[in-house]
Amino acid sequence: MALNGLLSDFGVIELVQYPHNRKRTGELSIKTPPGNSARCYYRDGKLVHVVSGDKAGLEALVDVVCLEEGEFQFDQAATTELTSIEMDLHRAIMQALKLADERKKSLEEQNELYDAASVAKVKMYLSGILQDKSDLYMLSLTDPAGIVLAEVFNDELDDKSLLRDVRKHLCDIFTTFPSGLPESIIINHREFVATLGKTPAGLGLIVMGPATVSLGMVNMLVKRSVLEIDAITGENSNDQQ
């Protein structure tokens, strides 16, 4: 079966059902503009496995049903022995749509807590840190769903793609780390140092710098900054009440 094209010309729900309706075996891959990809695997038309980034199963299918742009193709030669979807396709889609709707409502409620004034003050605060610690690469504040609320980069950096990729993976910790998010996580990579800290309100502060930066300095900076940011966002929240 030759199946490829643009998602904008083929609704994602209809697309996911297409191999099922024709009892096909293979891989349906979808590549989105930012460079991300999702893969749906079928055996004799049954959807058995879905992967999206680091996610798998129903959680990955939630990402898929939310897609609006991208390129897709079906490869009959690509198969898998993995099974992460146990329910039938129609039930899986309905459940994924329900979870996607709940996720959207949660994001809307979360974003209402942080108005433009709060975000502007936080960004100004992060910019001040970057001016004082000019060797750092970036600082980013995200909500528990991984949505970036405020972000600043070192102006001397030409390519920020690696930083954004690392930030994305650190954001995933909000929803995938077992037993709740720890107070802080430090990654000492050969090319960079990355730290994720949590504010008392549950927001995530990501700080990245060169591999030569002092881990102690970054750790202390994050511990102090999460409290300062919590005070900034809390102050604006109280002003609205």
C-alpha atoms as a PDB file:
ATOM      1  CA  MET A   1       0.000   0.000   0.000  1.00  0.00           C
ATOM      2  CA  ALA A   2       1.468   3.356  -1.046  1.00  0.00           C
ATOM      3  CA  LEU A   3       0.481   5.865   1.588  1.00  0.00           C
ATOM      4  CA  ASN A   4       2.343   9.131   2.068  1.00  0.00           C
ATOM      5  CA  GLY A   5       1.576  12.814   2.061  1.00  0.00           C
ATOM      6  CA  LEU A   6       0.862  15.834   4.238  1.00  0.00           C
ATOM      7  CA  LEU A   7      -1.143  15.667   7.427  1.00  0.00           C
ATOM      8  CA  SER A   8      -2.942  18.878   6.478  1.00  0.00           C
ATOM      9  CA  ASP A   9      -4.525  16.982   3.554  1.00  0.00           C
ATOM     10  CA  PHE A  10      -5.430  13.901   5.574  1.00  0.00           C
ATOM     11  CA  GLY A  11      -7.026  14.209   9.048  1.00  0.00           C
ATOM     12  CA  VAL A  12      -4.946  12.500  11.707  1.00  0.00           C
ATOM     13  CA  ILE A  13      -7.829  10.366  13.035  1.00  0.00           C
ATOM     14  CA  GLU A  14      -8.683   9.172   9.534  1.00  0.00           C
ATOM     15  CA  LEU A  15      -4.989   8.525   8.918  1.00  0.00           C
ATOM     16  CA  VAL A  16      -4.561   6.367  12.036  1.00  0.00           C
ATOM     17  CA  GLN A  17      -7.642   4.351  11.047  1.00  0.00           C
ATOM     18  CA  TYR A  18      -6.512   3.834   7.440  1.00  0.00           C
ATOM     19  CA  PRO A  19      -4.181   0.814   7.984  1.00  0.00           C
ATOM     20  CA  HIS A  20      -6.726  -0.644  10.412  1.00  0.00           C
ATOM     21  CA  ASN A  21      -9.556  -0.509   7.883  1.00  0.00           C
ATOM     22  CA  ARG A  22      -7.381  -2.270   5.298  1.00  0.00           C
ATOM     23  CA  LYS A  23      -5.968  -4.913   7.664  1.00  0.00           C
ATOM     24  CA  ARG A  24      -2.394  -3.816   6.968  1.00  0.00           C
ATOM     25  CA  THR A  25       0.831  -4.639   8.790  1.00  0.00           C
ATOM     26  CA  GLY A  26       3.588  -2.050   9.017  1.00  0.00           C
ATOM     27  CA  GLU A  27       4.659   1.313  10.404  1.00  0.00           C
ATOM     28  CA  LEU A  28       2.877   4.634   9.991  1.00  0.00           C
ATOM     29  CA  SER A  29       5.429   7.382  10.655  1.00  0.00           C
ATOM     30  CA  ILE A  30       4.596  11.060  11.072  1.00  0.00           C
ATOM     31  CA  LYS A  31       7.283  13.757  11.061  1.00  0.00           C
ATOM     32  CA  THR A  32       6.368  17.204  12.361  1.00  0.00           C
ATOM     33  CA  PRO A  33       7.995  20.556  11.377  1.00  0.00           C
ATOM     34  CA  PRO A  34      10.155  20.975  14.545  1.00  0.00           C
ATOM     35  CA  GLY A  35      11.868  17.673  13.714  1.00  0.00           C
ATOM     36  CA  ASN A  36       9.874  15.434  16.048  1.00  0.00           C
ATOM     37  CA  SER A  37       8.365  12.147  14.939  1.00  0.00           C
ATOM     38  CA  ALA A  38       5.705   9.646  15.957  1.00  0.00           C
ATOM     39  CA  ARG A  39       5.309   6.042  14.831  1.00  0.00           C
ATOM     40  CA  CYS A  40       2.241   3.783  14.877  1.00  0.00           C
ATOM     41  CA  TYR A  41       2.683   0.048  14.315  1.00  0.00           C
ATOM     42  CA  TYR A  42      -0.007  -2.303  13.010  1.00  0.00           C
ATOM     43  CA  ARG A  43      -0.384  -6.088  12.799  1.00  0.00           C
ATOM     44  CA  ASP A  44      -3.090  -7.222  10.413  1.00  0.00           C
ATOM     45  CA  GLY A  45      -4.821  -3.885  10.943  1.00  0.00           C
ATOM     46  CA  LYS A  46      -4.591  -3.915  14.738  1.00  0.00           C
ATOM     47  CA  LEU A  47      -2.796  -0.940  16.290  1.00  0.00           C
ATOM     48  CA  VAL A  48      -0.287  -2.568  18.662  1.00  0.00           C
ATOM     49  CA  HIS A  49       2.397   0.003  19.443  1.00  0.00           C
ATOM     50  CA  VAL A  50       2.745   3.814  19.356  1.00  0.00           C
ATOM     51  CA  VAL A  51       5.899   5.842  19.984  1.00  0.00           C
ATOM     52  CA  SER A  52       6.242   9.628  20.252  1.00  0.00           C
ATOM     53  CA  GLY A  53       9.588  10.940  21.461  1.00  0.00           C
ATOM     54  CA  ASP A  54      10.265   9.193  24.772  1.00  0.00           C
ATOM     55  CA  LYS A  55       6.601   8.257  25.202  1.00  0.00           C
ATOM     56  CA  ALA A  56       4.963   4.974  24.252  1.00  0.00           C
ATOM     57  CA  GLY A  57       1.477   3.473  24.247  1.00  0.00           C
ATOM     58  CA  LEU A  58      -1.618   5.513  25.014  1.00  0.00           C
ATOM     59  CA  GLU A  59       0.430   8.493  26.205  1.00  0.00           C
ATOM     60  CA  ALA A  60       2.134   8.605  22.797  1.00  0.00           C
ATOM     61  CA  LEU A  61      -1.214   8.215  21.013  1.00  0.00           C
ATOM     62  CA  VAL A  62      -2.415  11.353  22.831  1.00  0.00           C
ATOM     63  CA  ASP A  63       0.419  13.243  21.116  1.00  0.00           C
ATOM     64  CA  VAL A  64      -0.528  11.726  17.756  1.00  0.00           C
ATOM     65  CA  VAL A  65      -4.225  12.680  17.848  1.00  0.00           C
ATOM     66  CA  CYS A  66      -3.215  16.288  18.603  1.00  0.00           C
ATOM     67  CA  LEU A  67      -1.045  16.607  15.482  1.00  0.00           C
ATOM     68  CA  GLU A  68      -2.181  19.042  12.797  1.00  0.00           C
ATOM     69  CA  GLU A  69       0.931  19.437  10.635  1.00  0.00           C
ATOM     70  CA  GLY A  70       3.575  17.091   9.323  1.00  0.00           C
ATOM     71  CA  GLU A  71       4.499  14.524   6.693  1.00  0.00           C
ATOM     72  CA  PHE A  72       3.470  10.881   6.896  1.00  0.00           C
ATOM     73  CA  GLN A  73       4.256   7.602   5.190  1.00  0.00           C
ATOM     74  CA  PHE A  74       3.383   3.939   5.663  1.00  0.00           C
ATOM     75  CA  ASP A  75       6.117   1.299   5.460  1.00  0.00           C
ATOM     76  CA  GLN A  76       4.947  -2.315   5.217  1.00  0.00           C
ATOM     77  CA  ALA A  77       8.497  -3.590   5.794  1.00  0.00           C
ATOM     78  CA  ALA A  78       8.845  -1.913   9.201  1.00  0.00           C
ATOM     79  CA  THR A  79       7.436  -4.076  11.997  1.00  0.00           C
ATOM     80  CA  THR A  80       7.866  -4.468  15.754  1.00  0.00           C
ATOM     81  CA  GLU A  81       7.450  -7.175  18.348  1.00  0.00           C
ATOM     82  CA  LEU A  82       6.527  -4.609  20.999  1.00  0.00           C
ATOM     83  CA  THR A  83       2.963  -4.136  22.201  1.00  0.00           C
ATOM     84  CA  SER A  84       1.950  -1.001  24.099  1.00  0.00           C
ATOM     85  CA  ILE A  85      -1.703  -0.700  22.992  1.00  0.00           C
ATOM     86  CA  GLU A  86      -3.922  -3.463  24.391  1.00  0.00           C
ATOM     87  CA  MET A  87      -7.390  -2.085  23.559  1.00  0.00           C
ATOM     88  CA  ASP A  88      -8.984  -2.009  20.115  1.00  0.00           C
ATOM     89  CA  LEU A  89      -8.263   0.947  17.854  1.00  0.00           C
ATOM     90  CA  HIS A  90     -11.564   2.788  18.256  1.00  0.00           C
ATOM     91  CA  ARG A  91     -11.459   2.600  22.065  1.00  0.00           C
ATOM     92  CA  ALA A  92      -7.812   3.676  22.047  1.00  0.00           C
ATOM     93  CA  ILE A  93      -8.592   6.713  19.881  1.00  0.00           C
ATOM     94  CA  MET A  94     -11.562   7.719  22.034  1.00  0.00           C
ATOM     95  CA  GLN A  95      -9.459   7.408  25.194  1.00  0.00           C
ATOM     96  CA  ALA A  96      -6.605   9.388  23.632  1.00  0.00           C
ATOM     97  CA  LEU A  97      -8.987  12.167  22.558  1.00  0.00           C
ATOM     98  CA  LYS A  98     -10.419  12.309  26.075  1.00  0.00           C
ATOM     99  CA  LEU A  99      -6.951  12.546  27.628  1.00  0.00           C
ATOM    100  CA  ALA A 100      -5.947  15.187  25.069  1.00  0.00           C
ATOM    101  CA  ASP A 101      -8.978  17.279  26.025  1.00  0.00           C
ATOM    102  CA  GLU A 102      -8.136  16.927  29.723  1.00  0.00           C
ATOM    103  CA  ARG A 103      -4.545  17.931  29.003  1.00  0.00           C
ATOM    104  CA  LYS A 104      -5.705  21.024  27.095  1.00  0.00           C
ATOM    105  CA  LYS A 105      -8.025  22.103  29.922  1.00  0.00           C
ATOM    106  CA  SER A 106      -5.251  21.564  32.460  1.00  0.00           C
ATOM    107  CA  LEU A 107      -2.870  23.726  30.426  1.00  0.00           C
ATOM    108  CA  GLU A 108      -5.469  26.484  30.118  1.00  0.00           C
ATOM    109  CA  GLU A 109      -6.070  26.467  33.876  1.00  0.00           C
ATOM    110  CA  GLN A 110      -2.327  26.438  34.549  1.00  0.00           C
ATOM    111  CA  ASN A 111      -1.618  29.316  32.173  1.00  0.00           C
ATOM    112  CA  GLU A 112      -4.325  31.446  33.779  1.00  0.00           C
ATOM    113  CA  LEU A 113      -2.261  31.437  36.975  1.00  0.00           C
ATOM    114  CA  TYR A 114       0.597  33.268  35.304  1.00  0.00           C
ATOM    115  CA  ASP A 115      -0.373  36.507  33.616  1.00  0.00           C
ATOM    116  CA  ALA A 116       1.735  38.576  31.255  1.00  0.00           C
ATOM    117  CA  ALA A 117       3.013  40.753  34.108  1.00  0.00           C
ATOM    118  CA  SER A 118       4.356  37.744  36.010  1.00  0.00           C
ATOM    119  CA  VAL A 119       6.021  36.306  32.926  1.00  0.00           C
ATOM    120  CA  ALA A 120       7.595  39.676  32.059  1.00  0.00           C
ATOM    121  CA  LYS A 121       9.013  40.056  35.581  1.00  0.00           C
ATOM    122  CA  VAL A 122      10.380  36.509  35.551  1.00  0.00           C
ATOM    123  CA  LYS A 123      12.009  37.046  32.152  1.00  0.00           C
ATOM    124  CA  MET A 124      13.588  40.274  33.420  1.00  0.00           C
ATOM    125  CA  TYR A 125      14.859  38.383  36.463  1.00  0.00           C
ATOM    126  CA  LEU A 126      16.341  35.608  34.286  1.00  0.00           C
ATOM    127  CA  SER A 127      17.955  38.200  31.999  1.00  0.00           C
ATOM    128  CA  GLY A 128      19.585  39.778  35.040  1.00  0.00           C
ATOM    129  CA  ILE A 129      21.076  36.428  36.032  1.00  0.00           C
ATOM    130  CA  LEU A 130      22.435  35.916  32.514  1.00  0.00           C
ATOM    131  CA  GLN A 131      24.046  39.355  32.542  1.00  0.00           C
ATOM    132  CA  ASP A 132      25.685  38.599  35.881  1.00  0.00           C
ATOM    133  CA  LYS A 133      26.716  35.059  34.902  1.00  0.00           C
ATOM    134  CA  SER A 134      27.680  35.678  31.272  1.00  0.00           C
ATOM    135  CA  ASP A 135      29.226  32.225  30.836  1.00  0.00           C
ATOM    136  CA  LEU A 136      25.813  30.543  31.147  1.00  0.00           C
ATOM    137  CA  TYR A 137      24.030  29.424  27.969  1.00  0.00           C
ATOM    138  CA  MET A 138      20.356  29.715  28.863  1.00  0.00           C
ATOM    139  CA  LEU A 139      17.725  29.880  31.601  1.00  0.00           C
ATOM    140  CA  SER A 140      14.195  28.624  31.075  1.00  0.00           C
ATOM    141  CA  LEU A 141      11.087  28.505  33.272  1.00  0.00           C
ATOM    142  CA  THR A 142       8.446  25.909  32.404  1.00  0.00           C
ATOM    143  CA  ASP A 143       5.152  24.796  33.875  1.00  0.00           C
ATOM    144  CA  PRO A 144       4.504  21.161  34.959  1.00  0.00           C
ATOM    145  CA  ALA A 145       3.212  20.336  31.463  1.00  0.00           C
ATOM    146  CA  GLY A 146       6.497  21.433  29.881  1.00  0.00           C
ATOM    147  CA  ILE A 147       5.152  24.699  28.464  1.00  0.00           C
ATOM    148  CA  VAL A 148       7.846  27.398  28.389  1.00  0.00           C
ATOM    149  CA  LEU A 149       6.731  30.454  30.363  1.00  0.00           C
ATOM    150  CA  ALA A 150       9.934  32.499  30.101  1.00  0.00           C
ATOM    151  CA  GLU A 151      13.290  31.839  28.474  1.00  0.00           C
ATOM    152  CA  VAL A 152      16.535  33.731  27.840  1.00  0.00           C
ATOM    153  CA  PHE A 153      19.625  32.772  25.814  1.00  0.00           C
ATOM    154  CA  ASN A 154      23.206  33.993  25.736  1.00  0.00           C
ATOM    155  CA  ASP A 155      23.407  36.393  22.765  1.00  0.00           C
ATOM    156  CA  GLU A 156      26.778  34.964  21.729  1.00  0.00           C
ATOM    157  CA  LEU A 157      25.253  31.574  20.890  1.00  0.00           C
ATOM    158  CA  ASP A 158      24.575  31.006  17.190  1.00  0.00           C
ATOM    159  CA  ASP A 159      22.971  27.552  17.355  1.00  0.00           C
ATOM    160  CA  LYS A 160      20.388  27.040  20.090  1.00  0.00           C
ATOM    161  CA  SER A 161      18.931  23.761  18.779  1.00  0.00           C
ATOM    162  CA  LEU A 162      20.882  21.539  21.200  1.00  0.00           C
ATOM    163  CA  LEU A 163      19.803  23.655  24.159  1.00  0.00           C
ATOM    164  CA  ARG A 164      16.160  23.424  23.114  1.00  0.00           C
ATOM    165  CA  ASP A 165      16.445  19.648  22.666  1.00  0.00           C
ATOM    166  CA  VAL A 166      17.946  19.213  26.134  1.00  0.00           C
ATOM    167  CA  ARG A 167      15.296  21.505  27.609  1.00  0.00           C
ATOM    168  CA  LYS A 168      12.562  19.398  25.993  1.00  0.00           C
ATOM    169  CA  HIS A 169      13.930  16.204  27.539  1.00  0.00           C
ATOM    170  CA  LEU A 170      14.249  17.855  30.939  1.00  0.00           C
ATOM    171  CA  CYS A 171      10.648  19.068  30.637  1.00  0.00           C
ATOM    172  CA  ASP A 172       9.554  15.475  30.029  1.00  0.00           C
ATOM    173  CA  ILE A 173      10.752  14.661  33.545  1.00  0.00           C
ATOM    174  CA  PHE A 174       7.757  16.589  34.883  1.00  0.00           C
ATOM    175  CA  THR A 175       5.411  13.873  33.627  1.00  0.00           C
ATOM    176  CA  THR A 176       7.628  10.779  33.467  1.00  0.00           C
ATOM    177  CA  PHE A 177       9.781  10.847  36.614  1.00  0.00           C
ATOM    178  CA  PRO A 178       8.525   8.230  39.119  1.00  0.00           C
ATOM    179  CA  SER A 179       7.410   9.253  42.617  1.00  0.00           C
ATOM    180  CA  GLY A 180       7.167  12.942  41.779  1.00  0.00           C
ATOM    181  CA  LEU A 181       9.719  15.477  40.655  1.00  0.00           C
ATOM    182  CA  PRO A 182      12.839  15.783  42.859  1.00  0.00           C
ATOM    183  CA  GLU A 183      13.958  19.168  44.141  1.00  0.00           C
ATOM    184  CA  SER A 184      16.763  19.318  41.579  1.00  0.00           C
ATOM    185  CA  ILE A 185      18.489  17.276  38.878  1.00  0.00           C
ATOM    186  CA  ILE A 186      22.018  17.930  37.584  1.00  0.00           C
ATOM    187  CA  ILE A 187      23.360  16.600  34.267  1.00  0.00           C
ATOM    188  CA  ASN A 188      27.134  16.803  33.870  1.00  0.00           C
ATOM    189  CA  HIS A 189      27.631  16.204  30.137  1.00  0.00           C
ATOM    190  CA  ARG A 190      30.927  16.385  28.266  1.00  0.00           C
ATOM    191  CA  GLU A 191      29.564  19.346  26.275  1.00  0.00           C
ATOM    192  CA  PHE A 192      27.441  21.147  28.863  1.00  0.00           C
ATOM    193  CA  VAL A 193      26.014  21.253  32.369  1.00  0.00           C
ATOM    194  CA  ALA A 194      22.233  21.287  32.762  1.00  0.00           C
ATOM    195  CA  THR A 195      20.243  21.692  35.970  1.00  0.00           C
ATOM    196  CA  LEU A 196      16.524  21.360  36.581  1.00  0.00           C
ATOM    197  CA  GLY A 197      15.173  22.866  39.784  1.00  0.00           C
ATOM    198  CA  LYS A 198      11.620  22.995  41.108  1.00  0.00           C
ATOM    199  CA  THR A 199       9.938  26.055  42.592  1.00  0.00           C
ATOM    200  CA  PRO A 200       7.663  25.595  45.636  1.00  0.00           C
ATOM    201  CA  ALA A 201       4.696  26.104  43.274  1.00  0.00           C
ATOM    202  CA  GLY A 202       5.886  23.269  41.022  1.00  0.00           C
ATOM    203  CA  LEU A 203       7.398  25.223  38.125  1.00  0.00           C
ATOM    204  CA  GLY A 204      10.652  24.025  36.606  1.00  0.00           C
ATOM    205  CA  LEU A 205      13.774  26.172  36.255  1.00  0.00           C
ATOM    206  CA  ILE A 206      16.336  24.917  33.744  1.00  0.00           C
ATOM    207  CA  VAL A 207      19.844  26.386  33.738  1.00  0.00           C
ATOM    208  CA  MET A 208      22.473  25.368  31.172  1.00  0.00           C
ATOM    209  CA  GLY A 209      26.107  26.322  30.818  1.00  0.00           C
ATOM    210  CA  PRO A 210      29.442  25.035  29.509  1.00  0.00           C
ATOM    211  CA  ALA A 211      30.959  21.820  30.847  1.00  0.00           C
ATOM    212  CA  THR A 212      33.586  23.940  32.622  1.00  0.00           C
ATOM    213  CA  VAL A 213      31.069  25.826  34.761  1.00  0.00           C
ATOM    214  CA  SER A 214      31.137  25.210  38.513  1.00  0.00           C
ATOM    215  CA  LEU A 215      28.488  22.658  39.508  1.00  0.00           C
ATOM    216  CA  GLY A 216      28.378  24.151  42.983  1.00  0.00           C
ATOM    217  CA  MET A 217      27.725  27.627  41.603  1.00  0.00           C
ATOM    218  CA  VAL A 218      24.943  26.412  39.306  1.00  0.00           C
ATOM    219  CA  ASN A 219      23.344  24.366  42.071  1.00  0.00           C
ATOM    220  CA  MET A 220      23.336  27.319  44.483  1.00  0.00           C
ATOM    221  CA  LEU A 221      22.047  29.618  41.729  1.00  0.00           C
ATOM    222  CA  VAL A 222      19.113  27.306  41.029  1.00  0.00           C
ATOM    223  CA  LYS A 223      18.243  26.887  44.714  1.00  0.00           C
ATOM    224  CA  ARG A 224      18.185  30.661  45.219  1.00  0.00           C
ATOM    225  CA  SER A 225      16.405  31.433  41.958  1.00  0.00           C
ATOM    226  CA  VAL A 226      13.481  29.030  42.423  1.00  0.00           C
ATOM    227  CA  LEU A 227      12.597  30.865  45.634  1.00  0.00           C
ATOM    228  CA  GLU A 228      12.926  34.273  43.980  1.00  0.00           C
ATOM    229  CA  ILE A 229      10.746  33.172  41.049  1.00  0.00           C
ATOM    230  CA  ASP A 230       8.153  31.741  43.412  1.00  0.00           C
ATOM    231  CA  ALA A 231       8.021  35.095  45.187  1.00  0.00           C
ATOM    232  CA  ILE A 232       7.591  36.942  41.872  1.00  0.00           C
ATOM    233  CA  THR A 233       4.764  34.736  40.589  1.00  0.00           C
ATOM    234  CA  GLY A 234       3.111  34.609  44.001  1.00  0.00           C
ATOM    235  CA  GLU A 235       3.219  38.385  44.339  1.00  0.00           C
ATOM    236  CA  ASN A 236       1.403  38.906  41.030  1.00  0.00           C
ATOM    237  CA  SER A 237      -1.100  36.180  41.857  1.00  0.00           C
ATOM    238  CA  ASN A 238      -1.947  37.928  45.138  1.00  0.00           C
ATOM    239  CA  ASP A 239      -2.328  41.266  43.334  1.00  0.00           C
ATOM    240  CA  GLN A 240      -5.052  39.733  41.134  1.00  0.00           C
ATOM    241  CA  GLN A 241      -7.093  38.492  44.097  1.00  0.00           C
END
